[in-house]
Amino acid sequence: MNELVPYLVYILLAGVIIRTCAVFLARRAVEKTAGEEVLAKLPLLASRSIGDSQDTFYACILALQSGSARRPATCAALVYMCLLAAFVTVLLMMAVLGIIAIVQYESGT
């Protein structure tokens, strides 16, 4: 289970970088979609507040709904959402491995 911890760090680091790219690309867009307008209003650097994370999540959802795949900010939002999915997947894998370790310890094998 401990071998998965570095992957969480890598995913979070990539998430911070791609979030900054999505905001930057949304600010540079000339004709903004609704999602890009919301992304452009976010601060450039991510903070640890839960409100900032929620705003980023909903802005990426809106960018995916309102944008086309050819727009750079929409592609960055898609990558950000994929990184969130990867993060949750690794957390679930860690939970399953922890449960398996507990069951094996309790059964004595």
PDB file of N, CA and C in Angstrom:
ATOM      1  N   MET A   1       0.822  -1.181   0.000  1.00  0.00           N
ATOM      2  CA  MET A   1       0.000   0.000   0.000  1.00  0.00           C
ATOM      3  C   MET A   1       0.875   1.257   0.000  1.00  0.00           C
ATOM      4  N   ASN A   2       1.982   1.216   0.693  1.00  0.00           N
ATOM      5  CA  ASN A   2       2.860   2.387   0.752  1.00  0.00           C
ATOM      6  C   ASN A   2       3.513   2.700  -0.580  1.00  0.00           C
ATOM      7  N   GLU A   3       3.601   1.713  -1.449  1.00  0.00           N
ATOM      8  CA  GLU A   3       4.218   1.958  -2.749  1.00  0.00           C
ATOM      9  C   GLU A   3       3.335   2.815  -3.652  1.00  0.00           C
ATOM     10  N   LEU A   4       2.077   3.001  -3.291  1.00  0.00           N
ATOM     11  CA  LEU A   4       1.169   3.827  -4.096  1.00  0.00           C
ATOM     12  C   LEU A   4       1.203   5.304  -3.700  1.00  0.00           C
ATOM     13  N   VAL A   5       1.786   5.621  -2.563  1.00  0.00           N
ATOM     14  CA  VAL A   5       1.806   7.009  -2.089  1.00  0.00           C
ATOM     15  C   VAL A   5       2.536   7.950  -3.055  1.00  0.00           C
ATOM     16  N   PRO A   6       3.687   7.580  -3.622  1.00  0.00           N
ATOM     17  CA  PRO A   6       4.318   8.503  -4.581  1.00  0.00           C
ATOM     18  C   PRO A   6       3.436   8.816  -5.788  1.00  0.00           C
ATOM     19  N   TYR A   7       2.627   7.851  -6.199  1.00  0.00           N
ATOM     20  CA  TYR A   7       1.728   8.113  -7.327  1.00  0.00           C
ATOM     21  C   TYR A   7       0.697   9.183  -6.984  1.00  0.00           C
ATOM     22  N   LEU A   8       0.238   9.187  -5.736  1.00  0.00           N
ATOM     23  CA  LEU A   8      -0.691  10.241  -5.310  1.00  0.00           C
ATOM     24  C   LEU A   8      -0.027  11.611  -5.400  1.00  0.00           C
ATOM     25  N   VAL A   9       1.221  11.677  -4.986  1.00  0.00           N
ATOM     26  CA  VAL A   9       1.953  12.941  -5.036  1.00  0.00           C
ATOM     27  C   VAL A   9       2.143  13.391  -6.480  1.00  0.00           C
ATOM     28  N   TYR A  10       2.505  12.454  -7.353  1.00  0.00           N
ATOM     29  CA  TYR A  10       2.701  12.798  -8.770  1.00  0.00           C
ATOM     30  C   TYR A  10       1.403  13.275  -9.410  1.00  0.00           C
ATOM     31  N   ILE A  11       0.306  12.601  -9.085  1.00  0.00           N
ATOM     32  CA  ILE A  11      -0.985  12.992  -9.648  1.00  0.00           C
ATOM     33  C   ILE A  11      -1.384  14.376  -9.160  1.00  0.00           C
ATOM     34  N   LEU A  12      -1.180  14.645  -7.879  1.00  0.00           N
ATOM     35  CA  LEU A  12      -1.530  15.968  -7.348  1.00  0.00           C
ATOM     36  C   LEU A  12      -0.662  17.067  -7.953  1.00  0.00           C
ATOM     37  N   LEU A  13       0.620  16.788  -8.127  1.00  0.00           N
ATOM     38  CA  LEU A  13       1.506  17.766  -8.752  1.00  0.00           C
ATOM     39  C   LEU A  13       1.094  18.044 -10.194  1.00  0.00           C
ATOM     40  N   ALA A  14       0.785  16.991 -10.925  1.00  0.00           N
ATOM     41  CA  ALA A  14       0.324  17.174 -12.307  1.00  0.00           C
ATOM     42  C   ALA A  14      -1.007  17.912 -12.338  1.00  0.00           C
ATOM     43  N   GLY A  15      -1.865  17.663 -11.354  1.00  0.00           N
ATOM     44  CA  GLY A  15      -3.143  18.369 -11.275  1.00  0.00           C
ATOM     45  C   GLY A  15      -2.977  19.859 -11.059  1.00  0.00           C
ATOM     46  N   VAL A  16      -2.028  20.230 -10.213  1.00  0.00           N
ATOM     47  CA  VAL A  16      -1.776  21.659  -9.977  1.00  0.00           C
ATOM     48  C   VAL A  16      -1.258  22.321 -11.251  1.00  0.00           C
ATOM     49  N   ILE A  17      -0.370  21.630 -11.940  1.00  0.00           N
ATOM     50  CA  ILE A  17       0.198  22.201 -13.170  1.00  0.00           C
ATOM     51  C   ILE A  17      -0.857  22.329 -14.255  1.00  0.00           C
ATOM     52  N   ILE A  18      -1.666  21.297 -14.452  1.00  0.00           N
ATOM     53  CA  ILE A  18      -2.660  21.347 -15.525  1.00  0.00           C
ATOM     54  C   ILE A  18      -3.782  22.309 -15.180  1.00  0.00           C
ATOM     55  N   ARG A  19      -4.095  22.491 -13.898  1.00  0.00           N
ATOM     56  CA  ARG A  19      -5.104  23.473 -13.508  1.00  0.00           C
ATOM     57  C   ARG A  19      -4.625  24.875 -13.853  1.00  0.00           C
ATOM     58  N   THR A  20      -3.363  25.155 -13.570  1.00  0.00           N
ATOM     59  CA  THR A  20      -2.796  26.458 -13.914  1.00  0.00           C
ATOM     60  C   THR A  20      -2.813  26.660 -15.430  1.00  0.00           C
ATOM     61  N   CYS A  21      -2.498  25.612 -16.173  1.00  0.00           N
ATOM     62  CA  CYS A  21      -2.548  25.707 -17.639  1.00  0.00           C
ATOM     63  C   CYS A  21      -3.965  25.968 -18.123  1.00  0.00           C
ATOM     64  N   ALA A  22      -4.954  25.306 -17.526  1.00  0.00           N
ATOM     65  CA  ALA A  22      -6.345  25.496 -17.954  1.00  0.00           C
ATOM     66  C   ALA A  22      -6.793  26.930 -17.701  1.00  0.00           C
ATOM     67  N   VAL A  23      -6.440  27.480 -16.547  1.00  0.00           N
ATOM     68  CA  VAL A  23      -6.816  28.866 -16.238  1.00  0.00           C
ATOM     69  C   VAL A  23      -6.107  29.827 -17.185  1.00  0.00           C
ATOM     70  N   PHE A  24      -4.833  29.591 -17.419  1.00  0.00           N
ATOM     71  CA  PHE A  24      -4.064  30.462 -18.317  1.00  0.00           C
ATOM     72  C   PHE A  24      -4.628  30.416 -19.739  1.00  0.00           C
ATOM     73  N   LEU A  25      -4.919  29.222 -20.229  1.00  0.00           N
ATOM     74  CA  LEU A  25      -5.472  29.093 -21.579  1.00  0.00           C
ATOM     75  C   LEU A  25      -6.866  29.703 -21.688  1.00  0.00           C
ATOM     76  N   ALA A  26      -7.645  29.600 -20.622  1.00  0.00           N
ATOM     77  CA  ALA A  26      -8.982  30.204 -20.638  1.00  0.00           C
ATOM     78  C   ALA A  26      -8.882  31.731 -20.652  1.00  0.00           C
ATOM     79  N   ARG A  27      -7.899  32.269 -19.983  1.00  0.00           N
ATOM     80  CA  ARG A  27      -7.727  33.727 -19.984  1.00  0.00           C
ATOM     81  C   ARG A  27      -7.260  34.236 -21.334  1.00  0.00           C
ATOM     82  N   ARG A  28      -6.533  33.431 -22.076  1.00  0.00           N
ATOM     83  CA  ARG A  28      -6.003  33.863 -23.372  1.00  0.00           C
ATOM     84  C   ARG A  28      -6.997  33.687 -24.511  1.00  0.00           C
ATOM     85  N   ALA A  29      -8.078  32.955 -24.289  1.00  0.00           N
ATOM     86  CA  ALA A  29      -9.056  32.720 -25.346  1.00  0.00           C
ATOM     87  C   ALA A  29      -9.757  34.032 -25.699  1.00  0.00           C
ATOM     88  N   VAL A  30      -9.910  34.268 -27.001  1.00  0.00           N
ATOM     89  CA  VAL A  30     -10.543  35.504 -27.461  1.00  0.00           C
ATOM     90  C   VAL A  30     -12.055  35.415 -27.307  1.00  0.00           C
ATOM     91  N   GLU A  31     -12.647  34.405 -27.897  1.00  0.00           N
ATOM     92  CA  GLU A  31     -14.080  34.186 -27.769  1.00  0.00           C
ATOM     93  C   GLU A  31     -14.281  33.067 -26.757  1.00  0.00           C
ATOM     94  N   LYS A  32     -14.679  33.441 -25.555  1.00  0.00           N
ATOM     95  CA  LYS A  32     -14.771  32.477 -24.465  1.00  0.00           C
ATOM     96  C   LYS A  32     -16.148  31.821 -24.435  1.00  0.00           C
ATOM     97  N   THR A  33     -16.142  30.522 -24.149  1.00  0.00           N
ATOM     98  CA  THR A  33     -17.385  29.831 -23.853  1.00  0.00           C
ATOM     99  C   THR A  33     -17.719  30.090 -22.385  1.00  0.00           C
ATOM    100  N   ALA A  34     -18.864  29.600 -21.937  1.00  0.00           N
ATOM    101  CA  ALA A  34     -19.262  29.814 -20.535  1.00  0.00           C
ATOM    102  C   ALA A  34     -18.269  29.168 -19.573  1.00  0.00           C
ATOM    103  N   GLY A  35     -17.813  27.987 -19.919  1.00  0.00           N
ATOM    104  CA  GLY A  35     -16.840  27.308 -19.063  1.00  0.00           C
ATOM    105  C   GLY A  35     -15.508  28.026 -19.009  1.00  0.00           C
ATOM    106  N   GLU A  36     -15.080  28.565 -20.138  1.00  0.00           N
ATOM    107  CA  GLU A  36     -13.818  29.302 -20.159  1.00  0.00           C
ATOM    108  C   GLU A  36     -13.923  30.606 -19.369  1.00  0.00           C
ATOM    109  N   GLU A  37     -15.097  31.230 -19.366  1.00  0.00           N
ATOM    110  CA  GLU A  37     -15.268  32.447 -18.564  1.00  0.00           C
ATOM    111  C   GLU A  37     -15.142  32.142 -17.081  1.00  0.00           C
ATOM    112  N   VAL A  38     -15.716  31.027 -16.669  1.00  0.00           N
ATOM    113  CA  VAL A  38     -15.607  30.641 -15.255  1.00  0.00           C
ATOM    114  C   VAL A  38     -14.176  30.258 -14.915  1.00  0.00           C
ATOM    115  N   LEU A  39     -13.526  29.519 -15.803  1.00  0.00           N
ATOM    116  CA  LEU A  39     -12.122  29.162 -15.577  1.00  0.00           C
ATOM    117  C   LEU A  39     -11.235  30.402 -15.514  1.00  0.00           C
ATOM    118  N   ALA A  40     -11.518  31.382 -16.362  1.00  0.00           N
ATOM    119  CA  ALA A  40     -10.691  32.584 -16.408  1.00  0.00           C
ATOM    120  C   ALA A  40     -10.813  33.412 -15.129  1.00  0.00           C
ATOM    121  N   LYS A  41     -11.908  33.274 -14.415  1.00  0.00           N
ATOM    122  CA  LYS A  41     -12.101  34.039 -13.171  1.00  0.00           C
ATOM    123  C   LYS A  41     -11.393  33.419 -11.972  1.00  0.00           C
ATOM    124  N   LEU A  42     -10.940  32.177 -12.120  1.00  0.00           N
ATOM    125  CA  LEU A  42     -10.246  31.516 -11.008  1.00  0.00           C
ATOM    126  C   LEU A  42      -8.852  32.108 -10.836  1.00  0.00           C
ATOM    127  N   PRO A  43      -8.315  32.057  -9.615  1.00  0.00           N
ATOM    128  CA  PRO A  43      -6.930  32.504  -9.437  1.00  0.00           C
ATOM    129  C   PRO A  43      -5.971  31.601 -10.195  1.00  0.00           C
ATOM    130  N   LEU A  44      -4.878  32.175 -10.658  1.00  0.00           N
ATOM    131  CA  LEU A  44      -3.947  31.422 -11.499  1.00  0.00           C
ATOM    132  C   LEU A  44      -3.297  30.274 -10.742  1.00  0.00           C
ATOM    133  N   LEU A  45      -2.887  30.517  -9.515  1.00  0.00           N
ATOM    134  CA  LEU A  45      -2.272  29.469  -8.702  1.00  0.00           C
ATOM    135  C   LEU A  45      -3.306  28.869  -7.761  1.00  0.00           C
ATOM    136  N   ALA A  46      -3.305  27.576  -7.659  1.00  0.00           N
ATOM    137  CA  ALA A  46      -4.276  26.873  -6.826  1.00  0.00           C
ATOM    138  C   ALA A  46      -3.960  27.071  -5.347  1.00  0.00           C
ATOM    139  N   SER A  47      -4.992  27.112  -4.550  1.00  0.00           N
ATOM    140  CA  SER A  47      -4.822  27.163  -3.102  1.00  0.00           C
ATOM    141  C   SER A  47      -5.344  25.858  -2.503  1.00  0.00           C
ATOM    142  N   ARG A  48      -5.200  25.722  -1.208  1.00  0.00           N
ATOM    143  CA  ARG A  48      -5.638  24.495  -0.565  1.00  0.00           C
ATOM    144  C   ARG A  48      -7.061  24.586  -0.042  1.00  0.00           C
ATOM    145  N   SER A  49      -7.745  25.684  -0.307  1.00  0.00           N
ATOM    146  CA  SER A  49      -9.099  25.833   0.206  1.00  0.00           C
ATOM    147  C   SER A  49     -10.059  24.928  -0.550  1.00  0.00           C
ATOM    148  N   ILE A  50     -11.067  24.444   0.149  1.00  0.00           N
ATOM    149  CA  ILE A  50     -12.037  23.548  -0.470  1.00  0.00           C
ATOM    150  C   ILE A  50     -12.895  24.309  -1.468  1.00  0.00           C
ATOM    151  N   GLY A  51     -13.120  25.581  -1.232  1.00  0.00           N
ATOM    152  CA  GLY A  51     -13.902  26.381  -2.170  1.00  0.00           C
ATOM    153  C   GLY A  51     -13.217  26.514  -3.512  1.00  0.00           C
ATOM    154  N   ASP A  52     -11.909  26.685  -3.494  1.00  0.00           N
ATOM    155  CA  ASP A  52     -11.141  26.780  -4.732  1.00  0.00           C
ATOM    156  C   ASP A  52     -11.192  25.468  -5.502  1.00  0.00           C
ATOM    157  N   SER A  53     -11.105  24.362  -4.796  1.00  0.00           N
ATOM    158  CA  SER A  53     -11.179  23.049  -5.439  1.00  0.00           C
ATOM    159  C   SER A  53     -12.561  22.811  -6.049  1.00  0.00           C
ATOM    160  N   GLN A  54     -13.608  23.206  -5.321  1.00  0.00           N
ATOM    161  CA  GLN A  54     -14.959  23.051  -5.853  1.00  0.00           C
ATOM    162  C   GLN A  54     -15.177  23.933  -7.073  1.00  0.00           C
ATOM    163  N   ASP A  55     -14.704  25.169  -6.998  1.00  0.00           N
ATOM    164  CA  ASP A  55     -14.847  26.077  -8.135  1.00  0.00           C
ATOM    165  C   ASP A  55     -14.128  25.541  -9.365  1.00  0.00           C
ATOM    166  N   THR A  56     -12.941  24.993  -9.163  1.00  0.00           N
ATOM    167  CA  THR A  56     -12.189  24.421 -10.282  1.00  0.00           C
ATOM    168  C   THR A  56     -12.923  23.223 -10.865  1.00  0.00           C
ATOM    169  N   PHE A  57     -13.446  22.369 -10.003  1.00  0.00           N
ATOM    170  CA  PHE A  57     -14.169  21.185 -10.462  1.00  0.00           C
ATOM    171  C   PHE A  57     -15.379  21.579 -11.303  1.00  0.00           C
ATOM    172  N   TYR A  58     -16.195  22.501 -10.790  1.00  0.00           N
ATOM    173  CA  TYR A  58     -17.396  22.893 -11.516  1.00  0.00           C
ATOM    174  C   TYR A  58     -17.071  23.694 -12.777  1.00  0.00           C
ATOM    175  N   ALA A  59     -15.995  24.456 -12.749  1.00  0.00           N
ATOM    176  CA  ALA A  59     -15.581  25.183 -13.950  1.00  0.00           C
ATOM    177  C   ALA A  59     -15.127  24.217 -15.035  1.00  0.00           C
ATOM    178  N   CYS A  60     -14.424  23.162 -14.644  1.00  0.00           N
ATOM    179  CA  CYS A  60     -13.992  22.163 -15.630  1.00  0.00           C
ATOM    180  C   CYS A  60     -15.188  21.401 -16.191  1.00  0.00           C
ATOM    181  N   ILE A  61     -16.160  21.076 -15.345  1.00  0.00           N
ATOM    182  CA  ILE A  61     -17.379  20.419 -15.829  1.00  0.00           C
ATOM    183  C   ILE A  61     -18.088  21.313 -16.833  1.00  0.00           C
ATOM    184  N   LEU A  62     -18.215  22.595 -16.509  1.00  0.00           N
ATOM    185  CA  LEU A  62     -18.878  23.535 -17.410  1.00  0.00           C
ATOM    186  C   LEU A  62     -18.086  23.712 -18.704  1.00  0.00           C
ATOM    187  N   ALA A  63     -16.766  23.731 -18.609  1.00  0.00           N
ATOM    188  CA  ALA A  63     -15.940  23.853 -19.809  1.00  0.00           C
ATOM    189  C   ALA A  63     -16.098  22.637 -20.707  1.00  0.00           C
ATOM    190  N   LEU A  64     -16.220  21.463 -20.113  1.00  0.00           N
ATOM    191  CA  LEU A  64     -16.410  20.251 -20.910  1.00  0.00           C
ATOM    192  C   LEU A  64     -17.792  20.224 -21.557  1.00  0.00           C
ATOM    193  N   GLN A  65     -18.791  20.765 -20.870  1.00  0.00           N
ATOM    194  CA  GLN A  65     -20.137  20.774 -21.428  1.00  0.00           C
ATOM    195  C   GLN A  65     -20.309  21.815 -22.523  1.00  0.00           C
ATOM    196  N   SER A  66     -19.665  22.957 -22.365  1.00  0.00           N
ATOM    197  CA  SER A  66     -19.923  24.060 -23.289  1.00  0.00           C
ATOM    198  C   SER A  66     -18.869  24.213 -24.383  1.00  0.00           C
ATOM    199  N   GLY A  67     -17.744  23.558 -24.259  1.00  0.00           N
ATOM    200  CA  GLY A  67     -16.669  23.746 -25.231  1.00  0.00           C
ATOM    201  C   GLY A  67     -16.546  22.582 -26.192  1.00  0.00           C
ATOM    202  N   SER A  68     -15.754  22.795 -27.211  1.00  0.00           N
ATOM    203  CA  SER A  68     -15.468  21.714 -28.149  1.00  0.00           C
ATOM    204  C   SER A  68     -14.087  21.146 -27.826  1.00  0.00           C
ATOM    205  N   ALA A  69     -13.792  19.995 -28.378  1.00  0.00           N
ATOM    206  CA  ALA A  69     -12.524  19.329 -28.084  1.00  0.00           C
ATOM    207  C   ALA A  69     -11.332  20.045 -28.716  1.00  0.00           C
ATOM    208  N   ARG A  70     -11.596  20.981 -29.607  1.00  0.00           N
ATOM    209  CA  ARG A  70     -10.508  21.694 -30.266  1.00  0.00           C
ATOM    210  C   ARG A  70     -10.014  22.891 -29.459  1.00  0.00           C
ATOM    211  N   ARG A  71     -10.738  23.278 -28.445  1.00  0.00           N
ATOM    212  CA  ARG A  71     -10.334  24.439 -27.652  1.00  0.00           C
ATOM    213  C   ARG A  71      -9.309  24.000 -26.598  1.00  0.00           C
ATOM    214  N   PRO A  72      -8.185  24.710 -26.490  1.00  0.00           N
ATOM    215  CA  PRO A  72      -7.124  24.280 -25.568  1.00  0.00           C
ATOM    216  C   PRO A  72      -7.563  24.232 -24.108  1.00  0.00           C
ATOM    217  N   ALA A  73      -8.373  25.193 -23.677  1.00  0.00           N
ATOM    218  CA  ALA A  73      -8.812  25.196 -22.278  1.00  0.00           C
ATOM    219  C   ALA A  73      -9.713  24.000 -21.988  1.00  0.00           C
ATOM    220  N   THR A  74     -10.510  23.601 -22.961  1.00  0.00           N
ATOM    221  CA  THR A  74     -11.367  22.430 -22.781  1.00  0.00           C
ATOM    222  C   THR A  74     -10.528  21.161 -22.675  1.00  0.00           C
ATOM    223  N   CYS A  75      -9.498  21.057 -23.483  1.00  0.00           N
ATOM    224  CA  CYS A  75      -8.596  19.895 -23.405  1.00  0.00           C
ATOM    225  C   CYS A  75      -7.882  19.852 -22.056  1.00  0.00           C
ATOM    226  N   ALA A  76      -7.458  21.013 -21.578  1.00  0.00           N
ATOM    227  CA  ALA A  76      -6.806  21.069 -20.263  1.00  0.00           C
ATOM    228  C   ALA A  76      -7.787  20.693 -19.157  1.00  0.00           C
ATOM    229  N   ALA A  77      -9.036  21.116 -19.283  1.00  0.00           N
ATOM    230  CA  ALA A  77     -10.057  20.748 -18.294  1.00  0.00           C
ATOM    231  C   ALA A  77     -10.299  19.240 -18.312  1.00  0.00           C
ATOM    232  N   LEU A  78     -10.287  18.646 -19.497  1.00  0.00           N
ATOM    233  CA  LEU A  78     -10.465  17.195 -19.602  1.00  0.00           C
ATOM    234  C   LEU A  78      -9.306  16.452 -18.941  1.00  0.00           C
ATOM    235  N   VAL A  79      -8.098  16.922 -19.156  1.00  0.00           N
ATOM    236  CA  VAL A  79      -6.934  16.288 -18.528  1.00  0.00           C
ATOM    237  C   VAL A  79      -7.017  16.434 -17.008  1.00  0.00           C
ATOM    238  N   TYR A  80      -7.457  17.594 -16.532  1.00  0.00           N
ATOM    239  CA  TYR A  80      -7.608  17.807 -15.092  1.00  0.00           C
ATOM    240  C   TYR A  80      -8.627  16.830 -14.505  1.00  0.00           C
ATOM    241  N   MET A  81      -9.743  16.645 -15.188  1.00  0.00           N
ATOM    242  CA  MET A  81     -10.759  15.720 -14.688  1.00  0.00           C
ATOM    243  C   MET A  81     -10.251  14.275 -14.716  1.00  0.00           C
ATOM    244  N   CYS A  82      -9.468  13.930 -15.724  1.00  0.00           N
ATOM    245  CA  CYS A  82      -8.873  12.587 -15.778  1.00  0.00           C
ATOM    246  C   CYS A  82      -7.891  12.376 -14.635  1.00  0.00           C
ATOM    247  N   LEU A  83      -7.146  13.420 -14.282  1.00  0.00           N
ATOM    248  CA  LEU A  83      -6.227  13.310 -13.143  1.00  0.00           C
ATOM    249  C   LEU A  83      -6.986  13.135 -11.835  1.00  0.00           C
ATOM    250  N   LEU A  84      -8.131  13.809 -11.700  1.00  0.00           N
ATOM    251  CA  LEU A  84      -8.959  13.605 -10.507  1.00  0.00           C
ATOM    252  C   LEU A  84      -9.463  12.165 -10.440  1.00  0.00           C
ATOM    253  N   ALA A  85      -9.862  11.628 -11.581  1.00  0.00           N
ATOM    254  CA  ALA A  85     -10.319  10.232 -11.623  1.00  0.00           C
ATOM    255  C   ALA A  85      -9.184   9.276 -11.265  1.00  0.00           C
ATOM    256  N   ALA A  86      -7.981   9.556 -11.743  1.00  0.00           N
ATOM    257  CA  ALA A  86      -6.824   8.717 -11.409  1.00  0.00           C
ATOM    258  C   ALA A  86      -6.515   8.789  -9.919  1.00  0.00           C
ATOM    259  N   PHE A  87      -6.639   9.975  -9.338  1.00  0.00           N
ATOM    260  CA  PHE A  87      -6.393  10.143  -7.905  1.00  0.00           C
ATOM    261  C   PHE A  87      -7.382   9.318  -7.087  1.00  0.00           C
ATOM    262  N   VAL A  88      -8.646   9.385  -7.440  1.00  0.00           N
ATOM    263  CA  VAL A  88      -9.664   8.614  -6.724  1.00  0.00           C
ATOM    264  C   VAL A  88      -9.432   7.116  -6.907  1.00  0.00           C
ATOM    265  N   THR A  89      -9.024   6.713  -8.092  1.00  0.00           N
ATOM    266  CA  THR A  89      -8.753   5.300  -8.356  1.00  0.00           C
ATOM    267  C   THR A  89      -7.608   4.785  -7.485  1.00  0.00           C
ATOM    268  N   VAL A  90      -6.558   5.564  -7.359  1.00  0.00           N
ATOM    269  CA  VAL A  90      -5.424   5.152  -6.520  1.00  0.00           C
ATOM    270  C   VAL A  90      -5.846   5.101  -5.049  1.00  0.00           C
ATOM    271  N   LEU A  91      -6.669   6.050  -4.617  1.00  0.00           N
ATOM    272  CA  LEU A  91      -7.168   5.998  -3.236  1.00  0.00           C
ATOM    273  C   LEU A  91      -8.003   4.743  -2.987  1.00  0.00           C
ATOM    274  N   LEU A  92      -8.845   4.394  -3.949  1.00  0.00           N
ATOM    275  CA  LEU A  92      -9.646   3.177  -3.809  1.00  0.00           C
ATOM    276  C   LEU A  92      -8.775   1.929  -3.797  1.00  0.00           C
ATOM    277  N   MET A  93      -7.735   1.911  -4.615  1.00  0.00           N
ATOM    278  CA  MET A  93      -6.807   0.777  -4.606  1.00  0.00           C
ATOM    279  C   MET A  93      -6.115   0.653  -3.258  1.00  0.00           C
ATOM    280  N   MET A  94      -5.738   1.783  -2.681  1.00  0.00           N
ATOM    281  CA  MET A  94      -5.101   1.751  -1.366  1.00  0.00           C
ATOM    282  C   MET A  94      -6.068   1.236  -0.306  1.00  0.00           C
ATOM    283  N   ALA A  95      -7.330   1.635  -0.396  1.00  0.00           N
ATOM    284  CA  ALA A  95      -8.326   1.163   0.566  1.00  0.00           C
ATOM    285  C   ALA A  95      -8.530  -0.344   0.443  1.00  0.00           C
ATOM    286  N   VAL A  96      -8.613  -0.852  -0.777  1.00  0.00           N
ATOM    287  CA  VAL A  96      -8.792  -2.290  -0.984  1.00  0.00           C
ATOM    288  C   VAL A  96      -7.584  -3.053  -0.469  1.00  0.00           C
ATOM    289  N   LEU A  97      -6.383  -2.562  -0.754  1.00  0.00           N
ATOM    290  CA  LEU A  97      -5.183  -3.229  -0.248  1.00  0.00           C
ATOM    291  C   LEU A  97      -5.136  -3.208   1.280  1.00  0.00           C
ATOM    292  N   GLY A  98      -5.592  -2.118   1.884  1.00  0.00           N
ATOM    293  CA  GLY A  98      -5.654  -2.050   3.341  1.00  0.00           C
ATOM    294  C   GLY A  98      -6.644  -3.038   3.919  1.00  0.00           C
ATOM    295  N   ILE A  99      -7.794  -3.174   3.283  1.00  0.00           N
ATOM    296  CA  ILE A  99      -8.794  -4.139   3.756  1.00  0.00           C
ATOM    297  C   ILE A  99      -8.270  -5.563   3.610  1.00  0.00           C
ATOM    298  N   ILE A 100      -7.605  -5.851   2.507  1.00  0.00           N
ATOM    299  CA  ILE A 100      -7.035  -7.190   2.306  1.00  0.00           C
ATOM    300  C   ILE A 100      -5.990  -7.482   3.376  1.00  0.00           C
ATOM    301  N   ALA A 101      -5.158  -6.485   3.701  1.00  0.00           N
ATOM    302  CA  ALA A 101      -4.135  -6.688   4.743  1.00  0.00           C
ATOM    303  C   ALA A 101      -4.773  -6.939   6.100  1.00  0.00           C
ATOM    304  N   ILE A 102      -5.851  -6.242   6.410  1.00  0.00           N
ATOM    305  CA  ILE A 102      -6.532  -6.439   7.691  1.00  0.00           C
ATOM    306  C   ILE A 102      -7.149  -7.831   7.760  1.00  0.00           C
ATOM    307  N   VAL A 103      -7.787  -8.259   6.676  1.00  0.00           N
ATOM    308  CA  VAL A 103      -8.415  -9.592   6.658  1.00  0.00           C
ATOM    309  C   VAL A 103      -7.362 -10.671   6.785  1.00  0.00           C
ATOM    310  N   GLN A 104      -6.234 -10.516   6.109  1.00  0.00           N
ATOM    311  CA  GLN A 104      -5.176 -11.526   6.201  1.00  0.00           C
ATOM    312  C   GLN A 104      -4.578 -11.555   7.595  1.00  0.00           C
ATOM    313  N   TYR A 105      -4.451 -10.386   8.229  1.00  0.00           N
ATOM    314  CA  TYR A 105      -3.912 -10.350   9.583  1.00  0.00           C
ATOM    315  C   TYR A 105      -4.873 -11.007  10.574  1.00  0.00           C
ATOM    316  N   GLU A 106      -6.152 -10.741  10.409  1.00  0.00           N
ATOM    317  CA  GLU A 106      -7.155 -11.317  11.319  1.00  0.00           C
ATOM    318  C   GLU A 106      -7.266 -12.815  11.151  1.00  0.00           C
ATOM    319  N   SER A 107      -7.111 -13.300   9.934  1.00  0.00           N
ATOM    320  CA  SER A 107      -7.229 -14.750   9.702  1.00  0.00           C
ATOM    321  C   SER A 107      -5.936 -15.493  10.023  1.00  0.00           C
ATOM    322  N   GLY A 108      -4.843 -14.766  10.198  1.00  0.00           N
ATOM    323  CA  GLY A 108      -3.596 -15.399  10.570  1.00  0.00           C
ATOM    324  C   GLY A 108      -2.776 -15.933   9.407  1.00  0.00           C
ATOM    325  N   THR A 109      -3.155 -15.578   8.181  1.00  0.00           N
ATOM    326  CA  THR A 109      -2.378 -16.082   7.040  1.00  0.00           C
ATOM    327  C   THR A 109      -1.415 -15.040   6.534  1.00  0.00           C
TER     328      THR A 109
END
